[in-house]
Amino acid sequence: MEKVAMTADYVASTDYLKVLISRLRAKIERPGGPRYIATERGLGYRFARPQDLAALGED
């Protein structure tokens, strides 16, 4: 039972983080403009300069 509750809490917290990052992106990034938040699969998110993202192929 405890494992199920922990899993539900984990999923809820990751969804909360996705929504938070999405709202933050909407405030600081404009369509067609530079991106400032990079998604690191398996790690999370990080702020990056647009030229750093372009070098990684994330533009």
Protein backbone atom coordinates (compact mmCIF):
# COMPACT_ATOMS: atom_id res chain seq x y z
CA MET A 1 0.00 0.00 0.00
CA GLU A 2 2.81 2.43 0.88
CA LYS A 3 4.50 1.85 -2.49
CA VAL A 4 1.28 2.73 -4.35
CA ALA A 5 0.91 5.96 -2.37
CA MET A 6 4.53 6.93 -3.02
CA THR A 7 4.13 6.24 -6.75
CA ALA A 8 0.98 8.37 -6.91
CA ASP A 9 2.76 11.21 -5.09
CA TYR A 10 5.73 10.98 -7.45
CA VAL A 11 3.54 11.11 -10.57
CA ALA A 12 1.58 14.05 -9.17
CA SER A 13 4.79 15.93 -8.38
CA THR A 14 6.26 15.36 -11.85
CA ASP A 15 3.02 16.54 -13.45
CA TYR A 16 3.10 19.60 -11.22
CA LEU A 17 6.66 20.34 -12.34
CA LYS A 18 5.73 19.94 -16.03
CA VAL A 19 2.89 22.44 -15.62
CA LEU A 20 5.14 24.86 -13.74
CA ILE A 21 7.85 24.72 -16.43
CA SER A 22 5.23 25.11 -19.16
CA ARG A 23 3.87 28.26 -17.50
CA LEU A 24 7.37 29.63 -16.98
CA ARG A 25 8.21 29.02 -20.65
CA ALA A 26 5.02 30.81 -21.67
CA LYS A 27 6.11 33.86 -19.69
CA ILE A 28 9.73 34.11 -20.81
CA GLU A 29 9.80 32.50 -24.26
CA ARG A 30 7.97 33.84 -27.29
CA PRO A 31 6.97 31.83 -30.40
CA GLY A 32 9.82 31.95 -32.88
CA GLY A 33 12.11 33.51 -30.27
CA PRO A 34 15.00 32.08 -28.34
CA ARG A 35 14.49 29.25 -25.86
CA TYR A 36 15.93 29.59 -22.37
CA ILE A 37 14.84 26.37 -20.64
CA ALA A 38 16.38 23.10 -21.78
CA THR A 39 14.86 19.73 -21.00
CA GLU A 40 17.45 17.18 -19.93
CA ARG A 41 15.80 13.78 -20.35
CA GLY A 42 16.24 11.69 -17.24
CA LEU A 43 17.66 14.66 -15.32
CA GLY A 44 15.22 17.56 -15.38
CA TYR A 45 15.41 21.14 -16.63
CA ARG A 46 18.09 23.81 -16.81
CA PHE A 47 18.42 27.41 -17.87
CA ALA A 48 20.67 27.88 -20.88
CA ARG A 49 21.78 30.66 -23.17
CA PRO A 50 20.09 30.39 -26.61
CA GLN A 51 23.45 29.86 -28.35
CA ASP A 52 24.16 26.89 -26.03
CA LEU A 53 20.87 25.29 -27.01
CA ALA A 54 21.57 25.87 -30.70
CA ALA A 55 24.90 24.07 -30.32
CA LEU A 56 23.04 21.09 -28.84
CA GLY A 57 20.48 21.11 -31.66
CA GLU A 58 17.59 22.12 -29.41
CA ASP A 59 16.67 25.38 -31.17
